[in-house]
């Protein structure tokens, strides 16, 4: 079976498994209500203005069997958040002195409320991890699943992707309706 397909298992007992194309995730409204998705390759959405950090995050995601759609534009990112149903969203904040820092923080706050994806916020990468407490508090208040003060450690990023897979599996299992089986 090609990894670009996703199994959709309906929650009622009479439904048969259906295959739907899912390059970046499931498009909202394309499957029936209450469907449970098991991906061959999990999809995530990544926003970063740094090409170097975006490449590193994408590389680690690929190593951990995640397929990342990388956005460097806020409008493209918000459109993707609306259109795609991905289990993981990562926002990589630029340096606090960058002109786009405030814009990305505002967009992150908007995007956090739009869906039920796990949100990971990568800190501003100013090199001062000790001074990230305000930023972490802000991310936690938004409901971020994880905050990484400086996303440069590949081992730590691998752990985040592995734990996100486990959290997504638990979250997905919570949405399975077993009332039709009793």
Foldseek 3Di string as FASTA:
>chain_A
DDQQWKWKDAQAPVDDIDIDGHNAADFPPPDDPLIFIDGPAAHEEEEDLDPVVQVLLCVLSVVLRYHYDYDPDLVVRVVCLNTHDGQEYEYEAAAPPDPCRVVSLVSVLVSLPSDDHAYEYEAHQPVCLVPCPVVVVSCVVSPHPYYHNHPPDSVVSNVVSVVSVVVVVVVSVVSRDCPNVD
